[in-house]
Amino acid sequence: FTYCPECGAKLLPRVLGDEGAVPFCESCDRP
């Protein structure tokens, strides 16, 4: 995923525990 399939916002990498950097939607607040 490069863009959020829900709202279309560009996803940004966010470190999520042991998963490392995961594409994350700041608008929808979900990986």
PDB file of all heavy atoms in Angstrom:
ATOM      1  N   PHE A   1       0.826  -1.208   0.000  1.00  0.00           N
ATOM      2  CA  PHE A   1       0.000   0.000   0.000  1.00  0.00           C
ATOM      3  C   PHE A   1       0.861   1.258   0.000  1.00  0.00           C
ATOM      4  O   PHE A   1       1.796   1.378   0.787  1.00  0.00           O
ATOM      5  CB  PHE A   1      -0.910   0.029   1.236  1.00  0.00           C
ATOM      6  CG  PHE A   1      -1.999  -0.993   1.204  1.00  0.00           C
ATOM      7  CD1 PHE A   1      -1.864  -2.188   1.881  1.00  0.00           C
ATOM      8  CD2 PHE A   1      -3.162  -0.766   0.486  1.00  0.00           C
ATOM      9  CE1 PHE A   1      -2.865  -3.139   1.858  1.00  0.00           C
ATOM     10  CE2 PHE A   1      -4.174  -1.705   0.454  1.00  0.00           C
ATOM     11  CZ  PHE A   1      -4.032  -2.900   1.141  1.00  0.00           C
ATOM     12  N   THR A   2       0.525   2.189  -0.879  1.00  0.00           N
ATOM     13  CA  THR A   2       1.156   3.505  -0.922  1.00  0.00           C
ATOM     14  C   THR A   2       0.165   4.569  -0.476  1.00  0.00           C
ATOM     15  O   THR A   2       0.545   5.554   0.149  1.00  0.00           O
ATOM     16  CB  THR A   2       1.648   3.815  -2.358  1.00  0.00           C
ATOM     17  OG1 THR A   2       2.520   2.757  -2.766  1.00  0.00           O
ATOM     18  CG2 THR A   2       2.390   5.129  -2.419  1.00  0.00           C
ATOM     19  N   TYR A   3      -1.120   4.353  -0.817  1.00  0.00           N
ATOM     20  CA  TYR A   3      -2.197   5.269  -0.446  1.00  0.00           C
ATOM     21  C   TYR A   3      -3.253   4.507   0.352  1.00  0.00           C
ATOM     22  O   TYR A   3      -3.461   3.312   0.146  1.00  0.00           O
ATOM     23  CB  TYR A   3      -2.837   5.891  -1.691  1.00  0.00           C
ATOM     24  CG  TYR A   3      -1.880   6.766  -2.451  1.00  0.00           C
ATOM     25  CD1 TYR A   3      -1.110   6.247  -3.477  1.00  0.00           C
ATOM     26  CD2 TYR A   3      -1.712   8.110  -2.103  1.00  0.00           C
ATOM     27  CE1 TYR A   3      -0.201   7.046  -4.156  1.00  0.00           C
ATOM     28  CE2 TYR A   3      -0.809   8.904  -2.770  1.00  0.00           C
ATOM     29  CZ  TYR A   3      -0.048   8.366  -3.798  1.00  0.00           C
ATOM     30  OH  TYR A   3       0.852   9.161  -4.453  1.00  0.00           O
ATOM     31  N   CYS A   4      -3.937   5.193   1.211  1.00  0.00           N
ATOM     32  CA  CYS A   4      -4.972   4.595   2.045  1.00  0.00           C
ATOM     33  C   CYS A   4      -6.145   4.164   1.164  1.00  0.00           C
ATOM     34  O   CYS A   4      -6.689   4.990   0.414  1.00  0.00           O
ATOM     35  CB  CYS A   4      -5.451   5.597   3.099  1.00  0.00           C
ATOM     36  SG  CYS A   4      -6.806   4.963   4.110  1.00  0.00           S
ATOM     37  N   PRO A   5      -6.552   2.893   1.248  1.00  0.00           N
ATOM     38  CA  PRO A   5      -7.692   2.449   0.444  1.00  0.00           C
ATOM     39  C   PRO A   5      -9.026   2.990   0.960  1.00  0.00           C
ATOM     40  O   PRO A   5     -10.039   2.903   0.270  1.00  0.00           O
ATOM     41  CB  PRO A   5      -7.635   0.919   0.561  1.00  0.00           C
ATOM     42  CG  PRO A   5      -6.861   0.649   1.792  1.00  0.00           C
ATOM     43  CD  PRO A   5      -5.936   1.801   1.991  1.00  0.00           C
ATOM     44  N   GLU A   6      -9.040   3.577   2.152  1.00  0.00           N
ATOM     45  CA  GLU A   6     -10.268   4.138   2.718  1.00  0.00           C
ATOM     46  C   GLU A   6     -10.469   5.602   2.319  1.00  0.00           C
ATOM     47  O   GLU A   6     -11.523   5.986   1.863  1.00  0.00           O
ATOM     48  CB  GLU A   6     -10.240   4.028   4.254  1.00  0.00           C
ATOM     49  CG  GLU A   6     -10.153   2.608   4.772  1.00  0.00           C
ATOM     50  CD  GLU A   6     -11.375   1.775   4.446  1.00  0.00           C
ATOM     51  OE1 GLU A   6     -12.498   2.321   4.469  1.00  0.00           O
ATOM     52  OE2 GLU A   6     -11.205   0.581   4.164  1.00  0.00           O
ATOM     53  N   CYS A   7      -9.420   6.426   2.539  1.00  0.00           N
ATOM     54  CA  CYS A   7      -9.585   7.874   2.303  1.00  0.00           C
ATOM     55  C   CYS A   7      -8.705   8.422   1.196  1.00  0.00           C
ATOM     56  O   CYS A   7      -8.877   9.573   0.789  1.00  0.00           O
ATOM     57  CB  CYS A   7      -9.326   8.640   3.600  1.00  0.00           C
ATOM     58  SG  CYS A   7      -7.589   8.685   4.082  1.00  0.00           S
ATOM     59  N   GLY A   8      -7.742   7.652   0.719  1.00  0.00           N
ATOM     60  CA  GLY A   8      -6.883   8.083  -0.385  1.00  0.00           C
ATOM     61  C   GLY A   8      -5.645   8.852   0.035  1.00  0.00           C
ATOM     62  O   GLY A   8      -4.848   9.246  -0.820  1.00  0.00           O
ATOM     63  N   ALA A   9      -5.455   9.097   1.328  1.00  0.00           N
ATOM     64  CA  ALA A   9      -4.278   9.848   1.798  1.00  0.00           C
ATOM     65  C   ALA A   9      -3.010   9.041   1.560  1.00  0.00           C
ATOM     66  O   ALA A   9      -3.021   7.810   1.584  1.00  0.00           O
ATOM     67  CB  ALA A   9      -4.425  10.171   3.284  1.00  0.00           C
ATOM     68  N   LYS A  10      -1.903   9.745   1.328  1.00  0.00           N
ATOM     69  CA  LYS A  10      -0.607   9.088   1.187  1.00  0.00           C
ATOM     70  C   LYS A  10      -0.230   8.477   2.532  1.00  0.00           C
ATOM     71  O   LYS A  10      -0.350   9.117   3.574  1.00  0.00           O
ATOM     72  CB  LYS A  10       0.458  10.090   0.746  1.00  0.00           C
ATOM     73  CG  LYS A  10       1.842   9.489   0.623  1.00  0.00           C
ATOM     74  CD  LYS A  10       2.435   9.778  -0.724  1.00  0.00           C
ATOM     75  CE  LYS A  10       3.869   9.294  -0.799  1.00  0.00           C
ATOM     76  NZ  LYS A  10       3.990   7.982  -1.367  1.00  0.00           N
ATOM     77  N   LEU A  11       0.198   7.223   2.504  1.00  0.00           N
ATOM     78  CA  LEU A  11       0.592   6.542   3.727  1.00  0.00           C
ATOM     79  C   LEU A  11       2.034   6.891   4.072  1.00  0.00           C
ATOM     80  O   LEU A  11       2.876   7.041   3.188  1.00  0.00           O
ATOM     81  CB  LEU A  11       0.447   5.034   3.563  1.00  0.00           C
ATOM     82  CG  LEU A  11      -0.962   4.535   3.238  1.00  0.00           C
ATOM     83  CD1 LEU A  11      -0.960   3.032   3.010  1.00  0.00           C
ATOM     84  CD2 LEU A  11      -1.934   4.905   4.346  1.00  0.00           C
ATOM     85  N   LEU A  12       2.294   7.006   5.357  1.00  0.00           N
ATOM     86  CA  LEU A  12       3.629   7.332   5.850  1.00  0.00           C
ATOM     87  C   LEU A  12       4.122   6.167   6.708  1.00  0.00           C
ATOM     88  O   LEU A  12       3.327   5.533   7.413  1.00  0.00           O
ATOM     89  CB  LEU A  12       3.592   8.612   6.676  1.00  0.00           C
ATOM     90  CG  LEU A  12       3.051   9.846   5.958  1.00  0.00           C
ATOM     91  CD1 LEU A  12       2.874  10.992   6.935  1.00  0.00           C
ATOM     92  CD2 LEU A  12       3.982  10.226   4.820  1.00  0.00           C
ATOM     93  N   PRO A  13       5.426   5.887   6.664  1.00  0.00           N
ATOM     94  CA  PRO A  13       5.923   4.793   7.500  1.00  0.00           C
ATOM     95  C   PRO A  13       5.826   5.152   8.983  1.00  0.00           C
ATOM     96  O   PRO A  13       6.141   6.272   9.382  1.00  0.00           O
ATOM     97  CB  PRO A  13       7.376   4.633   7.065  1.00  0.00           C
ATOM     98  CG  PRO A  13       7.716   5.832   6.257  1.00  0.00           C
ATOM     99  CD  PRO A  13       6.451   6.510   5.857  1.00  0.00           C
ATOM    100  N   ARG A  14       5.340   4.195   9.767  1.00  0.00           N
ATOM    101  CA  ARG A  14       5.270   4.369  11.211  1.00  0.00           C
ATOM    102  C   ARG A  14       5.766   3.072  11.848  1.00  0.00           C
ATOM    103  O   ARG A  14       5.327   1.991  11.472  1.00  0.00           O
ATOM    104  CB  ARG A  14       3.854   4.662  11.678  1.00  0.00           C
ATOM    105  CG  ARG A  14       3.811   4.826  13.234  1.00  0.00           C
ATOM    106  CD  ARG A  14       2.428   4.994  13.766  1.00  0.00           C
ATOM    107  NE  ARG A  14       2.005   6.394  13.634  1.00  0.00           N
ATOM    108  CZ  ARG A  14       0.870   6.864  14.135  1.00  0.00           C
ATOM    109  NH1 ARG A  14       0.037   6.055  14.774  1.00  0.00           N
ATOM    110  NH2 ARG A  14       0.536   8.112  13.990  1.00  0.00           N
ATOM    111  N   VAL A  15       6.656   3.210  12.808  1.00  0.00           N
ATOM    112  CA  VAL A  15       7.173   2.041  13.502  1.00  0.00           C
ATOM    113  C   VAL A  15       6.095   1.519  14.444  1.00  0.00           C
ATOM    114  O   VAL A  15       5.571   2.260  15.272  1.00  0.00           O
ATOM    115  CB  VAL A  15       8.477   2.377  14.271  1.00  0.00           C
ATOM    116  CG1 VAL A  15       8.942   1.178  15.079  1.00  0.00           C
ATOM    117  CG2 VAL A  15       9.564   2.824  13.296  1.00  0.00           C
ATOM    118  N   LEU A  16       5.762   0.233  14.267  1.00  0.00           N
ATOM    119  CA  LEU A  16       4.752  -0.415  15.097  1.00  0.00           C
ATOM    120  C   LEU A  16       5.382  -1.622  15.789  1.00  0.00           C
ATOM    121  O   LEU A  16       5.413  -2.727  15.246  1.00  0.00           O
ATOM    122  CB  LEU A  16       3.560  -0.871  14.262  1.00  0.00           C
ATOM    123  CG  LEU A  16       2.727   0.221  13.604  1.00  0.00           C
ATOM    124  CD1 LEU A  16       1.631  -0.388  12.746  1.00  0.00           C
ATOM    125  CD2 LEU A  16       2.116   1.130  14.657  1.00  0.00           C
ATOM    126  N   GLY A  17       5.930  -1.385  16.972  1.00  0.00           N
ATOM    127  CA  GLY A  17       6.510  -2.463  17.772  1.00  0.00           C
ATOM    128  C   GLY A  17       7.495  -3.298  16.990  1.00  0.00           C
ATOM    129  O   GLY A  17       8.355  -2.775  16.279  1.00  0.00           O
ATOM    130  N   ASP A  18       7.341  -4.608  17.081  1.00  0.00           N
ATOM    131  CA  ASP A  18       8.249  -5.542  16.416  1.00  0.00           C
ATOM    132  C   ASP A  18       8.061  -5.584  14.905  1.00  0.00           C
ATOM    133  O   ASP A  18       8.876  -6.174  14.197  1.00  0.00           O
ATOM    134  CB  ASP A  18       8.045  -6.956  16.973  1.00  0.00           C
ATOM    135  CG  ASP A  18       8.441  -7.076  18.427  1.00  0.00           C
ATOM    136  OD1 ASP A  18       9.226  -6.236  18.899  1.00  0.00           O
ATOM    137  OD2 ASP A  18       7.953  -8.010  19.095  1.00  0.00           O
ATOM    138  N   GLU A  19       7.000  -4.994  14.407  1.00  0.00           N
ATOM    139  CA  GLU A  19       6.725  -5.017  12.969  1.00  0.00           C
ATOM    140  C   GLU A  19       7.647  -4.092  12.183  1.00  0.00           C
ATOM    141  O   GLU A  19       7.777  -4.222  10.971  1.00  0.00           O
ATOM    142  CB  GLU A  19       5.264  -4.620  12.684  1.00  0.00           C
ATOM    143  CG  GLU A  19       4.237  -5.511  13.336  1.00  0.00           C
ATOM    144  CD  GLU A  19       4.309  -6.949  12.865  1.00  0.00           C
ATOM    145  OE1 GLU A  19       4.679  -7.212  11.708  1.00  0.00           O
ATOM    146  OE2 GLU A  19       3.981  -7.827  13.682  1.00  0.00           O
ATOM    147  N   GLY A  20       8.260  -3.140  12.853  1.00  0.00           N
ATOM    148  CA  GLY A  20       9.093  -2.161  12.157  1.00  0.00           C
ATOM    149  C   GLY A  20       8.225  -1.101  11.511  1.00  0.00           C
ATOM    150  O   GLY A  20       7.095  -0.858  11.933  1.00  0.00           O
ATOM    151  N   ALA A  21       8.767  -0.480  10.457  1.00  0.00           N
ATOM    152  CA  ALA A  21       8.042   0.585   9.766  1.00  0.00           C
ATOM    153  C   ALA A  21       6.947  -0.023   8.892  1.00  0.00           C
ATOM    154  O   ALA A  21       7.200  -0.879   8.053  1.00  0.00           O
ATOM    155  CB  ALA A  21       8.991   1.420   8.934  1.00  0.00           C
ATOM    156  N   VAL A  22       5.722   0.439   9.107  1.00  0.00           N
ATOM    157  CA  VAL A  22       4.547  -0.053   8.395  1.00  0.00           C
ATOM    158  C   VAL A  22       3.838   1.145   7.773  1.00  0.00           C
ATOM    159  O   VAL A  22       3.739   2.199   8.399  1.00  0.00           O
ATOM    160  CB  VAL A  22       3.595  -0.768   9.388  1.00  0.00           C
ATOM    161  CG1 VAL A  22       2.299  -1.174   8.719  1.00  0.00           C
ATOM    162  CG2 VAL A  22       4.279  -1.971  10.011  1.00  0.00           C
ATOM    163  N   PRO A  23       3.333   1.012   6.516  1.00  0.00           N
ATOM    164  CA  PRO A  23       2.550   2.103   5.937  1.00  0.00           C
ATOM    165  C   PRO A  23       1.363   2.442   6.847  1.00  0.00           C
ATOM    166  O   PRO A  23       0.600   1.557   7.236  1.00  0.00           O
ATOM    167  CB  PRO A  23       2.077   1.544   4.596  1.00  0.00           C
ATOM    168  CG  PRO A  23       3.067   0.464   4.265  1.00  0.00           C
ATOM    169  CD  PRO A  23       3.461  -0.122   5.592  1.00  0.00           C
ATOM    170  N   PHE A  24       1.217   3.735   7.164  1.00  0.00           N
ATOM    171  CA  PHE A  24       0.217   4.146   8.150  1.00  0.00           C
ATOM    172  C   PHE A  24      -0.541   5.350   7.621  1.00  0.00           C
ATOM    173  O   PHE A  24       0.023   6.289   7.064  1.00  0.00           O
ATOM    174  CB  PHE A  24       0.909   4.511   9.472  1.00  0.00           C
ATOM    175  CG  PHE A  24      -0.029   4.647  10.623  1.00  0.00           C
ATOM    176  CD1 PHE A  24      -0.377   3.541  11.383  1.00  0.00           C
ATOM    177  CD2 PHE A  24      -0.587   5.878  10.947  1.00  0.00           C
ATOM    178  CE1 PHE A  24      -1.252   3.660  12.459  1.00  0.00           C
ATOM    179  CE2 PHE A  24      -1.463   6.006  12.011  1.00  0.00           C
ATOM    180  CZ  PHE A  24      -1.801   4.897  12.767  1.00  0.00           C
ATOM    181  N   CYS A  25      -1.867   5.330   7.808  1.00  0.00           N
ATOM    182  CA  CYS A  25      -2.711   6.455   7.419  1.00  0.00           C
ATOM    183  C   CYS A  25      -2.943   7.323   8.649  1.00  0.00           C
ATOM    184  O   CYS A  25      -3.584   6.880   9.614  1.00  0.00           O
ATOM    185  CB  CYS A  25      -4.043   5.975   6.855  1.00  0.00           C
ATOM    186  SG  CYS A  25      -5.118   7.354   6.380  1.00  0.00           S
ATOM    187  N   GLU A  26      -2.443   8.547   8.604  1.00  0.00           N
ATOM    188  CA  GLU A  26      -2.633   9.480   9.720  1.00  0.00           C
ATOM    189  C   GLU A  26      -4.102   9.890   9.841  1.00  0.00           C
ATOM    190  O   GLU A  26      -4.604  10.073  10.940  1.00  0.00           O
ATOM    191  CB  GLU A  26      -1.756  10.723   9.520  1.00  0.00           C
ATOM    192  CG  GLU A  26      -0.263  10.448   9.487  1.00  0.00           C
ATOM    193  CD  GLU A  26       0.312  10.024  10.835  1.00  0.00           C
ATOM    194  OE1 GLU A  26      -0.298  10.349  11.878  1.00  0.00           O
ATOM    195  OE2 GLU A  26       1.358   9.357  10.848  1.00  0.00           O
ATOM    196  N   SER A  27      -4.805   9.997   8.712  1.00  0.00           N
ATOM    197  CA  SER A  27      -6.212  10.409   8.729  1.00  0.00           C
ATOM    198  C   SER A  27      -7.114   9.351   9.346  1.00  0.00           C
ATOM    199  O   SER A  27      -8.003   9.664  10.144  1.00  0.00           O
ATOM    200  CB  SER A  27      -6.704  10.700   7.309  1.00  0.00           C
ATOM    201  OG  SER A  27      -5.968  11.744   6.731  1.00  0.00           O
ATOM    202  N   CYS A  28      -6.923   8.111   8.974  1.00  0.00           N
ATOM    203  CA  CYS A  28      -7.772   7.014   9.473  1.00  0.00           C
ATOM    204  C   CYS A  28      -7.199   6.389  10.747  1.00  0.00           C
ATOM    205  O   CYS A  28      -7.868   5.567  11.369  1.00  0.00           O
ATOM    206  CB  CYS A  28      -7.923   5.943   8.399  1.00  0.00           C
ATOM    207  SG  CYS A  28      -8.783   6.519   6.909  1.00  0.00           S
ATOM    208  N   ASP A  29      -5.975   6.761  11.077  1.00  0.00           N
ATOM    209  CA  ASP A  29      -5.302   6.261  12.281  1.00  0.00           C
ATOM    210  C   ASP A  29      -5.226   4.731  12.285  1.00  0.00           C
ATOM    211  O   ASP A  29      -5.601   4.072  13.252  1.00  0.00           O
ATOM    212  CB  ASP A  29      -6.008   6.769  13.548  1.00  0.00           C
ATOM    213  CG  ASP A  29      -5.140   6.563  14.795  1.00  0.00           C
ATOM    214  OD1 ASP A  29      -3.907   6.671  14.685  1.00  0.00           O
ATOM    215  OD2 ASP A  29      -5.715   6.266  15.857  1.00  0.00           O
ATOM    216  N   ARG A  30      -4.727   4.178  11.125  1.00  0.00           N
ATOM    217  CA  ARG A  30      -4.588   2.724  11.061  1.00  0.00           C
ATOM    218  C   ARG A  30      -3.468   2.313  10.116  1.00  0.00           C
ATOM    219  O   ARG A  30      -3.179   2.993   9.137  1.00  0.00           O
ATOM    220  CB  ARG A  30      -5.890   2.047  10.688  1.00  0.00           C
ATOM    221  CG  ARG A  30      -6.362   2.249   9.279  1.00  0.00           C
ATOM    222  CD  ARG A  30      -7.621   1.476   9.015  1.00  0.00           C
ATOM    223  NE  ARG A  30      -7.301   0.121   8.600  1.00  0.00           N
ATOM    224  CZ  ARG A  30      -8.067  -0.617   7.843  1.00  0.00           C
ATOM    225  NH1 ARG A  30      -9.238  -0.175   7.433  1.00  0.00           N
ATOM    226  NH2 ARG A  30      -7.709  -1.823   7.494  1.00  0.00           N
ATOM    227  N   PRO A  31      -2.843   1.176  10.418  1.00  0.00           N
ATOM    228  CA  PRO A  31      -1.778   0.658   9.557  1.00  0.00           C
ATOM    229  C   PRO A  31      -2.367  -0.154   8.405  1.00  0.00           C
ATOM    230  O   PRO A  31      -3.490  -0.661   8.484  1.00  0.00           O
ATOM    231  CB  PRO A  31      -0.988  -0.257  10.500  1.00  0.00           C
ATOM    232  CG  PRO A  31      -2.016  -0.746  11.464  1.00  0.00           C
ATOM    233  CD  PRO A  31      -2.997   0.396  11.641  1.00  0.00           C
TER     234      PRO A  31
END
